[in-house]
């Protein structure tokens, strides 16, 4: 499963500077807009027809721009920043991450799949209840994943005494 995370990291073009900017809480919290915006872009086919592709493209651009859109945070002492730092440790130093964290990360990633299916059916049928429910079912495990990455970072700091610059 960790290979999937690394492929996503490479596809996003994440490097040290981008990760530092992504640690800004504004980057983390605005990232949670992506699934609702994706659903809206797909749903908009009803209102704008083929122009819905422009909305979809805008969402995909936002996915790429978001980790670069904000400056590095003045402080890393907050839930969102620590979640990003934990994800960075999880990706760069997986052998230093406890097995139970790796296990839960895989479970939480897989847990969003039923939500994706429900959201897809809702978007196909233009059923708002299914679409919203599926979106929520996808977002909850992602938020929980960020919380788990806080735990990863806290454990890693206790074990190594290193800071982000040494990750």
Protein backbone atom coordinates (compact mmCIF):
# COMPACT_ATOMS: atom_id res chain seq x y z
CA UNK A 1 0.00 0.00 0.00
CA UNK A 2 2.86 2.41 0.72
CA UNK A 3 3.82 2.25 -2.96
CA UNK A 4 0.48 3.85 -3.86
CA UNK A 5 1.22 6.76 -1.54
CA UNK A 6 4.66 7.28 -3.09
CA UNK A 7 3.22 7.18 -6.62
CA UNK A 8 0.70 9.85 -5.61
CA UNK A 9 3.46 11.94 -4.05
CA UNK A 10 5.51 11.76 -7.26
CA UNK A 11 2.50 12.48 -9.46
CA UNK A 12 1.82 15.60 -7.41
CA UNK A 13 5.46 16.71 -7.79
CA UNK A 14 5.92 17.00 -4.05
CA UNK A 15 9.37 18.05 -2.83
CA UNK A 16 10.66 19.50 0.43
CA UNK A 17 9.57 23.05 -0.41
CA UNK A 18 6.11 21.91 -1.49
CA UNK A 19 5.67 19.83 1.66
CA UNK A 20 6.68 22.85 3.77
CA UNK A 21 4.03 24.97 2.05
CA UNK A 22 1.45 22.18 2.33
CA UNK A 23 2.03 22.16 6.11
CA UNK A 24 0.17 25.48 6.21
CA UNK A 25 -3.22 24.80 7.86
CA UNK A 26 -4.93 26.74 5.06
CA UNK A 27 -3.58 24.19 2.58
CA UNK A 28 -4.82 21.25 4.66
CA UNK A 29 -8.28 22.63 5.39
CA UNK A 30 -8.92 23.91 1.86
CA UNK A 31 -7.89 20.49 0.56
CA UNK A 32 -11.07 19.15 2.14
CA UNK A 33 -13.02 21.15 -0.46
CA UNK A 34 -11.80 18.93 -3.28
CA UNK A 35 -14.34 16.10 -3.10
CA UNK A 36 -17.36 18.42 -2.85
CA UNK A 37 -15.94 20.51 -5.72
CA UNK A 38 -15.38 17.34 -7.76
CA UNK A 39 -18.97 16.26 -7.14
CA UNK A 40 -20.22 19.72 -8.09
CA UNK A 41 -18.15 19.75 -11.28
CA UNK A 42 -19.52 16.37 -12.35
CA UNK A 43 -23.09 17.27 -11.35
CA UNK A 44 -22.83 20.52 -13.31
CA UNK A 45 -23.18 18.53 -16.54
CA UNK A 46 -26.92 18.94 -15.98
CA UNK A 47 -26.67 22.75 -16.04
CA UNK A 48 -23.77 23.49 -18.36
CA UNK A 49 -23.45 20.38 -20.53
CA UNK A 50 -19.99 19.93 -22.00
CA UNK A 51 -18.67 22.92 -20.05
CA UNK A 52 -18.66 20.61 -17.03
CA UNK A 53 -15.28 19.43 -18.34
CA UNK A 54 -13.94 22.95 -17.64
CA UNK A 55 -15.12 22.65 -14.04
CA UNK A 56 -13.51 19.24 -13.75
CA UNK A 57 -10.26 20.62 -15.14
CA UNK A 58 -10.42 23.51 -12.65
CA UNK A 59 -10.77 21.02 -9.77
CA UNK A 60 -7.81 18.98 -11.04
CA UNK A 61 -5.72 22.16 -11.27
CA UNK A 62 -6.76 23.06 -7.71
CA UNK A 63 -5.66 19.58 -6.54
CA UNK A 64 -2.17 20.30 -7.92
CA UNK A 65 -1.98 23.99 -6.94
CA UNK A 66 -3.31 23.61 -3.39
CA UNK A 67 -0.10 22.34 -1.72
CA UNK A 68 1.76 25.21 -3.37
CA UNK A 69 -0.81 27.98 -2.86
CA UNK A 70 0.07 29.00 0.69
CA UNK A 71 3.36 30.04 2.30
CA UNK A 72 5.07 27.78 4.83
CA UNK A 73 3.32 28.27 8.18
CA UNK A 74 4.76 30.50 10.88
CA UNK A 75 4.21 27.65 13.36
CA UNK A 76 3.96 23.90 12.99
CA UNK A 77 2.26 23.55 16.36
CA UNK A 78 -1.24 22.74 15.12
CA UNK A 79 -3.23 19.67 14.12
CA UNK A 80 -3.12 20.30 10.37
CA UNK A 81 0.63 20.94 10.19
CA UNK A 82 1.48 17.95 12.36
CA UNK A 83 -0.70 15.79 10.11
CA UNK A 84 1.33 16.86 7.08
CA UNK A 85 4.59 16.28 8.95
CA UNK A 86 3.41 12.81 9.91
CA UNK A 87 2.50 12.04 6.32
CA UNK A 88 5.96 13.19 5.26
CA UNK A 89 7.57 10.84 7.79
CA UNK A 90 5.18 8.05 6.73
CA UNK A 91 6.27 8.42 3.10
CA UNK A 92 9.97 9.16 3.54
CA UNK A 93 10.79 6.89 6.47
CA UNK A 94 8.25 4.04 6.41
CA UNK A 95 10.66 1.70 8.22
CA UNK A 96 10.60 4.13 11.17
CA UNK A 97 6.79 4.09 11.37
CA UNK A 98 5.20 1.56 13.70
CA UNK A 99 3.42 -1.34 12.01
CA UNK A 100 0.10 -0.44 13.65
CA UNK A 101 0.24 3.01 12.01
CA UNK A 102 0.98 1.50 8.60
CA UNK A 103 -1.88 -0.95 9.10
CA UNK A 104 -4.36 1.78 10.05
CA UNK A 105 -3.21 4.00 7.18
CA UNK A 106 -3.99 1.19 4.74
CA UNK A 107 -7.36 0.52 6.38
CA UNK A 108 -8.33 4.18 6.33
CA UNK A 109 -7.34 4.51 2.69
CA UNK A 110 -9.42 1.44 1.81
CA UNK A 111 -12.30 2.68 3.97
CA UNK A 112 -12.98 5.52 1.56
CA UNK A 113 -13.67 3.11 -1.34
CA UNK A 114 -17.31 2.36 -0.42
CA UNK A 115 -17.92 6.09 -0.24
CA UNK A 116 -16.39 6.51 -3.69
CA UNK A 117 -18.77 3.91 -5.10
CA UNK A 118 -21.79 5.48 -3.42
CA UNK A 119 -20.74 8.95 -4.59
CA UNK A 120 -20.24 7.64 -8.16
CA UNK A 121 -23.70 6.04 -8.19
CA UNK A 122 -25.20 9.25 -6.82
CA UNK A 123 -23.50 11.31 -9.51
CA UNK A 124 -24.55 8.87 -12.23
CA UNK A 125 -28.19 8.89 -11.08
CA UNK A 126 -28.14 12.56 -10.11
CA UNK A 127 -29.23 11.55 -6.62
CA UNK A 128 -28.19 14.26 -4.16
CA UNK A 129 -28.60 12.08 -1.07
CA UNK A 130 -26.33 9.34 -2.43
CA UNK A 131 -23.82 11.90 -3.71
CA UNK A 132 -23.58 13.76 -0.39
CA UNK A 133 -23.55 10.54 1.65
CA UNK A 134 -20.81 9.06 -0.53
CA UNK A 135 -18.78 12.25 -0.32
CA UNK A 136 -19.01 12.24 3.47
CA UNK A 137 -18.08 8.55 3.60
CA UNK A 138 -14.96 9.37 1.59
CA UNK A 139 -14.01 12.41 3.64
CA UNK A 140 -14.31 10.91 7.13
CA UNK A 141 -11.54 8.32 6.61
CA UNK A 142 -9.33 11.01 5.04
CA UNK A 143 -9.76 13.27 8.07
CA UNK A 144 -9.09 10.29 10.32
CA UNK A 145 -5.96 9.57 8.21
CA UNK A 146 -4.68 13.10 8.90
CA UNK A 147 -5.34 12.52 12.59
CA UNK A 148 -3.41 9.23 12.43
CA UNK A 149 -0.52 11.08 10.78
CA UNK A 150 -0.46 13.39 13.82
CA UNK A 151 0.08 10.30 15.93
CA UNK A 152 2.76 9.05 13.51
CA UNK A 153 4.62 12.34 13.82
CA UNK A 154 4.36 12.45 17.62
CA UNK A 155 5.65 8.87 17.92
CA UNK A 156 8.45 9.55 15.43
CA UNK A 157 9.56 12.67 17.34
CA UNK A 158 9.63 10.74 20.62
CA UNK A 159 11.65 7.91 19.04
CA UNK A 160 14.14 9.96 17.05
CA UNK A 161 14.21 13.42 18.57
CA UNK A 162 14.48 14.78 15.01
CA UNK A 163 12.61 17.76 13.62
CA UNK A 164 11.09 18.23 10.16
CA UNK A 165 14.37 19.45 8.67
CA UNK A 166 15.90 16.05 9.42
CA UNK A 167 13.04 14.00 7.96
